[in-house]
C-alpha atoms as a PDB file:
ATOM      1  CA  MET A   1      96.132  55.146  84.197  1.00  0.00           C
ATOM      2  CA  SER A   2      93.488  52.874  82.995  1.00  0.00           C
ATOM      3  CA  PRO A   3      91.316  54.777  80.592  1.00  0.00           C
ATOM      4  CA  SER A   4      88.005  53.814  82.121  1.00  0.00           C
ATOM      5  CA  GLY A   5      89.143  56.362  85.330  1.00  0.00           C
ATOM      6  CA  GLU A   6      88.001  53.766  88.141  1.00  0.00           C
ATOM      7  CA  THR A   7      89.497  50.517  87.081  1.00  0.00           C
ATOM      8  CA  ALA A   8      92.637  50.875  88.909  1.00  0.00           C
ATOM      9  CA  THR A   9      92.189  52.972  91.796  1.00  0.00           C
ATOM     10  CA  LEU A  10      93.215  53.304  95.563  1.00  0.00           C
ATOM     11  CA  ALA A  11      90.609  52.513  97.921  1.00  0.00           C
ATOM     12  CA  PRO A  12      88.912  55.571  99.255  1.00  0.00           C
ATOM     13  CA  PRO A  13      89.946  56.629 103.011  1.00  0.00           C
ATOM     14  CA  ALA A  14      87.556  55.244 105.858  1.00  0.00           C
ATOM     15  CA  VAL A  15      85.326  58.293 106.421  1.00  0.00           C
ATOM     16  CA  THR A  16      81.834  57.974 108.628  1.00  0.00           C
ATOM     17  CA  ALA A  17      79.012  59.695 106.632  1.00  0.00           C
ATOM     18  CA  GLY A  18      77.646  62.805 108.056  1.00  0.00           C
ATOM     19  CA  PRO A  19      74.391  64.434 107.700  1.00  0.00           C
ATOM     20  CA  ASP A  20      75.772  66.684 105.142  1.00  0.00           C
ATOM     21  CA  ASP A  21      78.005  64.028 103.547  1.00  0.00           C
ATOM     22  CA  PHE A  22      76.881  61.962 100.597  1.00  0.00           C
ATOM     23  CA  VAL A  23      78.370  58.247  99.483  1.00  0.00           C
ATOM     24  CA  LEU A  24      79.535  58.278  96.055  1.00  0.00           C
ATOM     25  CA  PRO A  25      78.771  54.835  94.210  1.00  0.00           C
ATOM     26  CA  ASN A  26      82.413  54.156  94.236  1.00  0.00           C
ATOM     27  CA  GLY A  27      82.177  54.208  98.315  1.00  0.00           C
ATOM     28  CA  MET A  28      83.848  57.729  98.816  1.00  0.00           C
ATOM     29  CA  VAL A  29      82.224  59.783 101.730  1.00  0.00           C
ATOM     30  CA  VAL A  30      82.364  63.465 100.053  1.00  0.00           C
ATOM     31  CA  ALA A  31      80.701  66.717 101.555  1.00  0.00           C
ATOM     32  CA  HIS A  32      78.312  68.258  99.496  1.00  0.00           C
ATOM     33  CA  GLN A  33      75.248  70.478  98.850  1.00  0.00           C
ATOM     34  CA  ARG A  34      72.791  69.241  96.574  1.00  0.00           C
ATOM     35  CA  ALA A  35      72.696  65.062  95.735  1.00  0.00           C
ATOM     36  CA  TYR A  36      71.309  65.507  91.966  1.00  0.00           C
ATOM     37  CA  GLU A  37      74.343  68.026  91.285  1.00  0.00           C
ATOM     38  CA  THR A  38      77.025  65.450  93.244  1.00  0.00           C
ATOM     39  CA  THR A  39      75.294  62.621  91.342  1.00  0.00           C
ATOM     40  CA  TYR A  40      75.865  64.517  88.092  1.00  0.00           C
ATOM     41  CA  LEU A  41      79.522  65.561  88.910  1.00  0.00           C
ATOM     42  CA  TYR A  42      80.446  62.166  89.737  1.00  0.00           C
ATOM     43  CA  ASP A  43      79.136  60.692  86.673  1.00  0.00           C
ATOM     44  CA  GLU A  44      80.608  63.267  84.306  1.00  0.00           C
ATOM     45  CA  ILE A  45      84.026  62.941  86.156  1.00  0.00           C
ATOM     46  CA  PHE A  46      84.380  59.287  87.691  1.00  0.00           C
ATOM     47  CA  ALA A  47      81.825  57.248  85.267  1.00  0.00           C
ATOM     48  CA  ARG A  48      82.579  59.196  82.190  1.00  0.00           C
ATOM     49  CA  ASN A  49      86.170  60.294  82.496  1.00  0.00           C
ATOM     50  CA  CYS A  50      84.843  63.535  80.934  1.00  0.00           C
ATOM     51  CA  TYR A  51      88.458  65.521  81.068  1.00  0.00           C
ATOM     52  CA  LEU A  52      90.798  62.393  80.259  1.00  0.00           C
ATOM     53  CA  GLN A  53      89.819  62.028  76.886  1.00  0.00           C
ATOM     54  CA  HIS A  54      91.578  62.046  73.130  1.00  0.00           C
ATOM     55  CA  GLY A  55      94.987  61.648  74.802  1.00  0.00           C
ATOM     56  CA  ILE A  56      94.733  63.361  78.062  1.00  0.00           C
ATOM     57  CA  THR A  57      96.304  61.926  80.738  1.00  0.00           C
ATOM     58  CA  LEU A  58      97.843  62.130  84.177  1.00  0.00           C
ATOM     59  CA  PRO A  59     101.663  61.208  84.432  1.00  0.00           C
ATOM     60  CA  PRO A  60     103.139  60.240  87.770  1.00  0.00           C
ATOM     61  CA  GLY A  61     103.604  63.111  89.929  1.00  0.00           C
ATOM     62  CA  ALA A  62     101.024  65.225  87.766  1.00  0.00           C
ATOM     63  CA  VAL A  63     100.667  68.874  88.766  1.00  0.00           C
ATOM     64  CA  VAL A  64      97.140  69.910  88.320  1.00  0.00           C
ATOM     65  CA  LEU A  65      95.526  73.265  88.223  1.00  0.00           C
ATOM     66  CA  ASP A  66      91.896  72.583  88.388  1.00  0.00           C
ATOM     67  CA  ILE A  67      90.265  76.043  87.526  1.00  0.00           C
ATOM     68  CA  GLY A  68      86.437  75.968  88.669  1.00  0.00           C
ATOM     69  CA  ALA A  69      86.492  73.065  91.251  1.00  0.00           C
ATOM     70  CA  ASN A  70      83.181  73.381  92.878  1.00  0.00           C
ATOM     71  CA  ILE A  71      83.239  70.938  95.660  1.00  0.00           C
ATOM     72  CA  GLY A  72      86.399  69.110  94.305  1.00  0.00           C
ATOM     73  CA  MET A  73      84.913  66.125  92.307  1.00  0.00           C
ATOM     74  CA  PHE A  74      87.849  66.513  89.912  1.00  0.00           C
ATOM     75  CA  SER A  75      90.416  67.093  92.249  1.00  0.00           C
ATOM     76  CA  MET A  76      89.475  63.914  94.112  1.00  0.00           C
ATOM     77  CA  PHE A  77      89.634  61.966  90.943  1.00  0.00           C
ATOM     78  CA  VAL A  78      93.156  63.141  90.031  1.00  0.00           C
ATOM     79  CA  ALA A  79      94.258  62.116  93.479  1.00  0.00           C
ATOM     80  CA  ARG A  80      92.388  58.746  93.297  1.00  0.00           C
ATOM     81  CA  GLN A  81      94.257  58.321  89.829  1.00  0.00           C
ATOM     82  CA  CYS A  82      97.518  59.779  90.774  1.00  0.00           C
ATOM     83  CA  PRO A  83      98.089  59.636  94.779  1.00  0.00           C
ATOM     84  CA  ASP A  84     101.433  61.971  94.244  1.00  0.00           C
ATOM     85  CA  ALA A  85      99.853  64.499  91.959  1.00  0.00           C
ATOM     86  CA  THR A  86     100.164  68.285  93.335  1.00  0.00           C
ATOM     87  CA  ILE A  87      96.608  69.873  92.918  1.00  0.00           C
ATOM     88  CA  HIS A  88      95.837  73.563  93.321  1.00  0.00           C
ATOM     89  CA  ALA A  89      91.997  73.822  93.058  1.00  0.00           C
ATOM     90  CA  VAL A  90      90.202  77.194  92.396  1.00  0.00           C
ATOM     91  CA  GLU A  91      86.702  78.131  93.278  1.00  0.00           C
ATOM     92  CA  PRO A  92      85.032  81.575  93.437  1.00  0.00           C
ATOM     93  CA  ALA A  93      81.720  80.484  95.174  1.00  0.00           C
ATOM     94  CA  PRO A  94      81.636  81.604  98.921  1.00  0.00           C
ATOM     95  CA  ALA A  95      79.111  78.745  99.705  1.00  0.00           C
ATOM     96  CA  LEU A  96      81.486  76.070  98.138  1.00  0.00           C
ATOM     97  CA  ILE A  97      85.140  76.870  99.052  1.00  0.00           C
ATOM     98  CA  GLY A  98      84.374  75.178 102.498  1.00  0.00           C
ATOM     99  CA  VAL A  99      83.041  72.122 100.869  1.00  0.00           C
ATOM    100  CA  LEU A 100      85.949  72.080  98.673  1.00  0.00           C
ATOM    101  CA  ARG A 101      88.602  72.257 101.302  1.00  0.00           C
ATOM    102  CA  THR A 102      86.712  69.184 103.200  1.00  0.00           C
ATOM    103  CA  ASN A 103      86.738  67.173 100.521  1.00  0.00           C
ATOM    104  CA  LEU A 104      90.314  67.853  99.399  1.00  0.00           C
ATOM    105  CA  ALA A 105      91.392  67.206 103.007  1.00  0.00           C
ATOM    106  CA  ARG A 106      89.578  64.002 103.024  1.00  0.00           C
ATOM    107  CA  HIS A 107      90.764  62.680  99.458  1.00  0.00           C
ATOM    108  CA  ALA A 108      93.263  64.632  98.397  1.00  0.00           C
ATOM    109  CA  PRO A 109      95.269  66.081 101.333  1.00  0.00           C
ATOM    110  CA  GLY A 110      98.176  67.481  99.471  1.00  0.00           C
ATOM    111  CA  GLY A 111      95.428  69.530  97.567  1.00  0.00           C
ATOM    112  CA  VAL A 112      95.225  73.525  97.982  1.00  0.00           C
ATOM    113  CA  ALA A 113      92.086  75.360  97.513  1.00  0.00           C
ATOM    114  CA  HIS A 114      92.057  78.918  96.198  1.00  0.00           C
ATOM    115  CA  HIS A 115      89.013  81.057  96.966  1.00  0.00           C
ATOM    116  CA  CYS A 116      89.092  83.118  93.908  1.00  0.00           C
ATOM    117  CA  GLY A 117      88.080  83.324  90.445  1.00  0.00           C
ATOM    118  CA  VAL A 118      89.839  83.415  86.857  1.00  0.00           C
ATOM    119  CA  SER A 119      90.210  86.231  84.828  1.00  0.00           C
ATOM    120  CA  ALA A 120      92.950  87.838  82.234  1.00  0.00           C
ATOM    121  CA  GLN A 121      94.345  89.733  85.188  1.00  0.00           C
ATOM    122  CA  ASP A 122      94.174  90.313  89.060  1.00  0.00           C
ATOM    123  CA  GLY A 123      91.146  92.277  90.387  1.00  0.00           C
ATOM    124  CA  SER A 124      87.523  91.774  91.230  1.00  0.00           C
ATOM    125  CA  MET A 125      84.233  90.988  89.967  1.00  0.00           C
ATOM    126  CA  GLN A 126      80.605  90.404  90.777  1.00  0.00           C
ATOM    127  CA  PHE A 127      79.889  86.696  90.777  1.00  0.00           C
ATOM    128  CA  THR A 128      76.562  85.043  90.121  1.00  0.00           C
ATOM    129  CA  TYR A 129      75.801  82.084  92.268  1.00  0.00           C
ATOM    130  CA  TYR A 130      73.094  79.686  91.547  1.00  0.00           C
ATOM    131  CA  PRO A 131      72.524  77.644  95.200  1.00  0.00           C
ATOM    132  CA  ASN A 132      70.228  75.075  93.315  1.00  0.00           C
ATOM    133  CA  SER A 133      72.341  74.660  90.137  1.00  0.00           C
ATOM    134  CA  SER A 134      76.234  75.696  91.331  1.00  0.00           C
ATOM    135  CA  VAL A 135      77.564  74.218  88.045  1.00  0.00           C
ATOM    136  CA  PHE A 136      76.009  77.043  86.183  1.00  0.00           C
ATOM    137  CA  SER A 137      77.328  79.751  88.224  1.00  0.00           C
ATOM    138  CA  GLY A 138      79.855  82.031  87.040  1.00  0.00           C
ATOM    139  CA  PHE A 139      81.123  85.928  86.305  1.00  0.00           C
ATOM    140  CA  HIS A 140      79.274  86.229  83.054  1.00  0.00           C
ATOM    141  CA  ALA A 141      75.905  84.424  84.054  1.00  0.00           C
ATOM    142  CA  ASP A 142      73.129  85.200  81.808  1.00  0.00           C
ATOM    143  CA  THR A 143      69.675  83.735  83.562  1.00  0.00           C
ATOM    144  CA  ALA A 144      68.057  83.419  79.671  1.00  0.00           C
ATOM    145  CA  ILE A 145      70.681  81.636  78.477  1.00  0.00           C
ATOM    146  CA  ASP A 146      71.472  79.508  81.462  1.00  0.00           C
ATOM    147  CA  ARG A 147      67.814  78.732  81.774  1.00  0.00           C
ATOM    148  CA  ALA A 148      67.798  77.424  77.865  1.00  0.00           C
ATOM    149  CA  VAL A 149      70.934  75.620  78.590  1.00  0.00           C
ATOM    150  CA  LEU A 150      69.808  73.822  81.746  1.00  0.00           C
ATOM    151  CA  ARG A 151      66.540  73.135  80.187  1.00  0.00           C
ATOM    152  CA  LYS A 152      68.374  70.959  77.073  1.00  0.00           C
ATOM    153  CA  VAL A 153      70.651  69.261  79.630  1.00  0.00           C
ATOM    154  CA  ILE A 154      67.333  68.038  81.345  1.00  0.00           C
ATOM    155  CA  GLU A 155      65.961  66.934  78.290  1.00  0.00           C
ATOM    156  CA  ASN A 156      69.202  65.171  77.453  1.00  0.00           C
ATOM    157  CA  ALA A 157      69.681  63.429  80.551  1.00  0.00           C
ATOM    158  CA  ALA A 158      66.133  62.179  80.520  1.00  0.00           C
ATOM    159  CA  GLU A 159      66.785  60.818  76.579  1.00  0.00           C
ATOM    160  CA  GLU A 160      69.798  58.975  77.809  1.00  0.00           C
ATOM    161  CA  SER A 161      68.313  57.387  80.402  1.00  0.00           C
ATOM    162  CA  GLY A 162      65.658  55.919  78.160  1.00  0.00           C
ATOM    163  CA  GLU A 163      62.703  57.864  78.927  1.00  0.00           C
ATOM    164  CA  THR A 164      60.489  57.610  75.711  1.00  0.00           C
ATOM    165  CA  GLU A 165      58.091  60.702  76.908  1.00  0.00           C
ATOM    166  CA  PRO A 166      59.172  64.049  76.986  1.00  0.00           C
ATOM    167  CA  VAL A 167      59.355  66.089  80.100  1.00  0.00           C
ATOM    168  CA  PRO A 168      56.160  67.999  80.406  1.00  0.00           C
ATOM    169  CA  ASP A 169      56.694  72.075  79.966  1.00  0.00           C
ATOM    170  CA  PHE A 170      54.812  72.796  83.030  1.00  0.00           C
ATOM    171  CA  LEU A 171      57.268  70.317  85.156  1.00  0.00           C
ATOM    172  CA  LEU A 172      60.384  71.956  83.376  1.00  0.00           C
ATOM    173  CA  ASP A 173      59.326  75.291  84.146  1.00  0.00           C
ATOM    174  CA  ASP A 174      58.660  74.812  87.684  1.00  0.00           C
ATOM    175  CA  LEU A 175      61.985  72.985  88.270  1.00  0.00           C
ATOM    176  CA  LEU A 176      63.992  75.907  86.248  1.00  0.00           C
ATOM    177  CA  GLN A 177      62.314  78.643  88.398  1.00  0.00           C
ATOM    178  CA  ASN A 178      63.585  77.021  91.452  1.00  0.00           C
ATOM    179  CA  ARG A 179      67.105  75.949  90.027  1.00  0.00           C
ATOM    180  CA  LEU A 180      68.253  79.408  88.880  1.00  0.00           C
ATOM    181  CA  HIS A 181      67.289  81.375  92.128  1.00  0.00           C
ATOM    182  CA  ALA A 182      70.402  83.710  92.256  1.00  0.00           C
ATOM    183  CA  GLU A 183      72.654  84.922  94.615  1.00  0.00           C
ATOM    184  CA  ARG A 184      75.518  87.768  93.931  1.00  0.00           C
ATOM    185  CA  HIS A 185      78.831  88.440  95.556  1.00  0.00           C
ATOM    186  CA  GLU A 186      81.962  90.442  94.458  1.00  0.00           C
ATOM    187  CA  ILE A 187      84.550  87.933  94.446  1.00  0.00           C
ATOM    188  CA  ALA A 188      88.386  88.351  93.704  1.00  0.00           C
ATOM    189  CA  THR A 189      89.932  87.312  90.556  1.00  0.00           C
ATOM    190  CA  ARG A 190      93.301  86.215  89.427  1.00  0.00           C
ATOM    191  CA  SER A 191      95.067  85.386  86.338  1.00  0.00           C
ATOM    192  CA  VAL A 192      96.286  81.984  85.501  1.00  0.00           C
ATOM    193  CA  SER A 193      99.866  83.011  85.519  1.00  0.00           C
ATOM    194  CA  SER A 194      99.352  84.710  88.902  1.00  0.00           C
ATOM    195  CA  LEU A 195      98.277  81.543  90.282  1.00  0.00           C
ATOM    196  CA  ILE A 196     101.064  79.735  88.888  1.00  0.00           C
ATOM    197  CA  ALA A 197     103.667  82.437  90.259  1.00  0.00           C
ATOM    198  CA  GLU A 198     101.989  82.222  93.687  1.00  0.00           C
ATOM    199  CA  CYS A 199     101.910  78.244  93.967  1.00  0.00           C
ATOM    200  CA  GLY A 200     105.558  78.438  92.439  1.00  0.00           C
ATOM    201  CA  LEU A 201     104.871  75.944  89.722  1.00  0.00           C
ATOM    202  CA  GLU A 202     107.480  75.104  87.355  1.00  0.00           C
ATOM    203  CA  ARG A 203     105.561  72.761  84.954  1.00  0.00           C
ATOM    204  CA  VAL A 204     101.673  72.428  84.865  1.00  0.00           C
ATOM    205  CA  ASP A 205     100.779  68.797  83.279  1.00  0.00           C
ATOM    206  CA  LEU A 206      97.232  69.525  83.153  1.00  0.00           C
ATOM    207  CA  LEU A 207      95.187  72.763  82.986  1.00  0.00           C
ATOM    208  CA  LYS A 208      91.683  71.843  83.688  1.00  0.00           C
ATOM    209  CA  ILE A 209      89.043  74.544  83.278  1.00  0.00           C
ATOM    210  CA  ASP A 210      85.234  74.956  83.736  1.00  0.00           C
ATOM    211  CA  ALA A 211      84.493  78.436  84.253  1.00  0.00           C
ATOM    212  CA  GLU A 212      81.331  79.325  82.736  1.00  0.00           C
ATOM    213  CA  ARG A 213      82.044  81.555  79.959  1.00  0.00           C
ATOM    214  CA  SER A 214      85.354  82.787  81.642  1.00  0.00           C
ATOM    215  CA  GLU A 215      87.684  80.585  79.588  1.00  0.00           C
ATOM    216  CA  LEU A 216      88.643  83.016  77.178  1.00  0.00           C
ATOM    217  CA  ALA A 217      89.858  85.440  79.861  1.00  0.00           C
ATOM    218  CA  ALA A 218      91.505  82.408  81.626  1.00  0.00           C
ATOM    219  CA  LEU A 219      93.580  81.864  78.468  1.00  0.00           C
ATOM    220  CA  ASP A 220      94.377  85.567  78.190  1.00  0.00           C
ATOM    221  CA  GLY A 221      95.638  85.548  81.575  1.00  0.00           C
ATOM    222  CA  ILE A 222      98.330  83.298  80.928  1.00  0.00           C
ATOM    223  CA  THR A 223     101.664  85.026  79.772  1.00  0.00           C
ATOM    224  CA  ASP A 224     103.951  83.707  77.144  1.00  0.00           C
ATOM    225  CA  ALA A 225     106.459  82.050  79.535  1.00  0.00           C
ATOM    226  CA  ASP A 226     103.980  80.391  81.046  1.00  0.00           C
ATOM    227  CA  TRP A 227     102.602  78.754  78.051  1.00  0.00           C
ATOM    228  CA  SER A 228     105.575  76.763  77.761  1.00  0.00           C
ATOM    229  CA  LYS A 229     104.912  75.405  81.348  1.00  0.00           C
ATOM    230  CA  ILE A 230     101.558  74.023  80.250  1.00  0.00           C
ATOM    231  CA  ARG A 231     101.688  70.386  78.524  1.00  0.00           C
ATOM    232  CA  GLN A 232      98.039  69.804  78.264  1.00  0.00           C
ATOM    233  CA  VAL A 233      94.629  71.447  78.637  1.00  0.00           C
ATOM    234  CA  ALA A 234      90.918  70.115  79.019  1.00  0.00           C
ATOM    235  CA  LEU A 235      88.221  73.097  79.051  1.00  0.00           C
ATOM    236  CA  GLU A 236      84.628  73.335  78.723  1.00  0.00           C
ATOM    237  CA  SER A 237      83.690  75.884  76.542  1.00  0.00           C
ATOM    238  CA  HIS A 238      80.278  77.624  76.514  1.00  0.00           C
ATOM    239  CA  GLY A 239      80.147  80.255  74.167  1.00  0.00           C
ATOM    240  CA  GLY A 240      78.729  78.385  70.952  1.00  0.00           C
ATOM    241  CA  ALA A 241      80.651  77.155  67.832  1.00  0.00           C
ATOM    242  CA  ALA A 242      82.354  80.592  67.190  1.00  0.00           C
ATOM    243  CA  GLU A 243      83.679  80.546  70.706  1.00  0.00           C
ATOM    244  CA  HIS A 244      84.735  77.132  70.337  1.00  0.00           C
ATOM    245  CA  ASP A 245      86.822  78.013  67.240  1.00  0.00           C
ATOM    246  CA  LEU A 246      88.392  80.711  68.859  1.00  0.00           C
ATOM    247  CA  LEU A 247      89.714  78.935  71.574  1.00  0.00           C
ATOM    248  CA  ALA A 248      90.549  75.875  69.576  1.00  0.00           C
ATOM    249  CA  GLU A 249      92.756  78.429  67.391  1.00  0.00           C
ATOM    250  CA  ILE A 250      94.420  80.018  70.442  1.00  0.00           C
ATOM    251  CA  LEU A 251      95.759  76.700  71.669  1.00  0.00           C
ATOM    252  CA  ARG A 252      96.986  75.681  68.131  1.00  0.00           C
ATOM    253  CA  ARG A 253      98.573  78.579  67.817  1.00  0.00           C
ATOM    254  CA  ARG A 254     100.339  77.800  71.253  1.00  0.00           C
ATOM    255  CA  GLY A 255     101.766  74.572  69.832  1.00  0.00           C
ATOM    256  CA  PHE A 256      98.840  72.572  70.955  1.00  0.00           C
ATOM    257  CA  ASP A 257      97.217  69.470  69.066  1.00  0.00           C
ATOM    258  CA  VAL A 258      93.673  70.150  69.952  1.00  0.00           C
ATOM    259  CA  VAL A 259      89.993  68.153  69.625  1.00  0.00           C
ATOM    260  CA  VAL A 260      86.715  69.736  70.084  1.00  0.00           C
ATOM    261  CA  ASP A 261      84.244  67.435  71.204  1.00  0.00           C
ATOM    262  CA  THR A 262      80.274  67.713  71.758  1.00  0.00           C
ATOM    263  CA  TYR A 263      78.909  64.614  73.397  1.00  0.00           C
ATOM    264  CA  GLY A 264      75.530  63.395  74.894  1.00  0.00           C
ATOM    265  CA  PRO A 265      74.875  65.767  77.495  1.00  0.00           C
ATOM    266  CA  LEU A 266      76.212  68.893  76.327  1.00  0.00           C
ATOM    267  CA  ARG A 267      74.619  67.891  72.787  1.00  0.00           C
ATOM    268  CA  ASP A 268      72.384  71.516  71.275  1.00  0.00           C
ATOM    269  CA  THR A 269      73.384  73.031  74.351  1.00  0.00           C
ATOM    270  CA  GLY A 270      76.455  75.466  72.872  1.00  0.00           C
ATOM    271  CA  PHE A 271      78.648  74.004  75.179  1.00  0.00           C
ATOM    272  CA  ALA A 272      81.827  71.765  74.273  1.00  0.00           C
ATOM    273  CA  ASN A 273      84.899  69.821  75.430  1.00  0.00           C
ATOM    274  CA  ILE A 274      88.169  71.158  74.049  1.00  0.00           C
ATOM    275  CA  PHE A 275      91.332  69.016  74.730  1.00  0.00           C
ATOM    276  CA  ALA A 276      94.848  70.255  73.836  1.00  0.00           C
ATOM    277  CA  ARG A 277      98.193  68.535  74.386  1.00  0.00           C
ATOM    278  CA  ARG A 278     101.293  68.989  73.281  1.00  0.00           C
ATOM    279  CA  ALA A 279     102.870  66.382  70.449  1.00  0.00           C
ATOM    280  CA  ASP A 280     106.460  66.940  71.861  1.00  0.00           C
END
């Protein structure tokens, strides 16, 4: 696969855009909810290739577990890069699971959507959903923290776009008030090992986790036997430097080479991307 992510891909299936669809820059027609979020996800996953960094690859016939799939942007990326991949996409948000299923049917027809969250064990938890900022939704949402992080992400994006003047505070405040309107739902949770067992997976070539402060619980829900099945991990850590270090150490103890990377959009947010792969 090309490291740029989009240079050696298959043409997207022919799909006519409907009123609830969005046409991505590469021509793919996807179901979605908010244009600014869809654009952000495309830029991160397709244009920046944010998950396939620091040696993370998709081998032929890759088995991928996509935790925190949202509308399925990463799952669709995987299917474009590796048409024979086995994809299991996990998404807890009730408003997004139908969108995810539509996108898998269109662009990753072998992919399976699972409507649940991840935790250390099977059960249920209260899930906070932000309809206008779905990527910040989670089981451990904190509106004050999320407001500060979203503010910084917006400022970073403005800076990267070449804006020379800071975004006025009153505009940011109005934007953030709208973006963090919250809904709460009781949602089933599954451990990663429970999902591996249900799906009958003998190996996981890439475990991708973007679960908004549920990363540690996700790793805690992997049995010793199942750790040996996992070849690579790409996760977004949301708990600051101490948690980045803890997650990295857990992965190192499990036999992975680990890189912790904070790049442009995540700068000064307390977020980092962590990449882990087995050397053998």
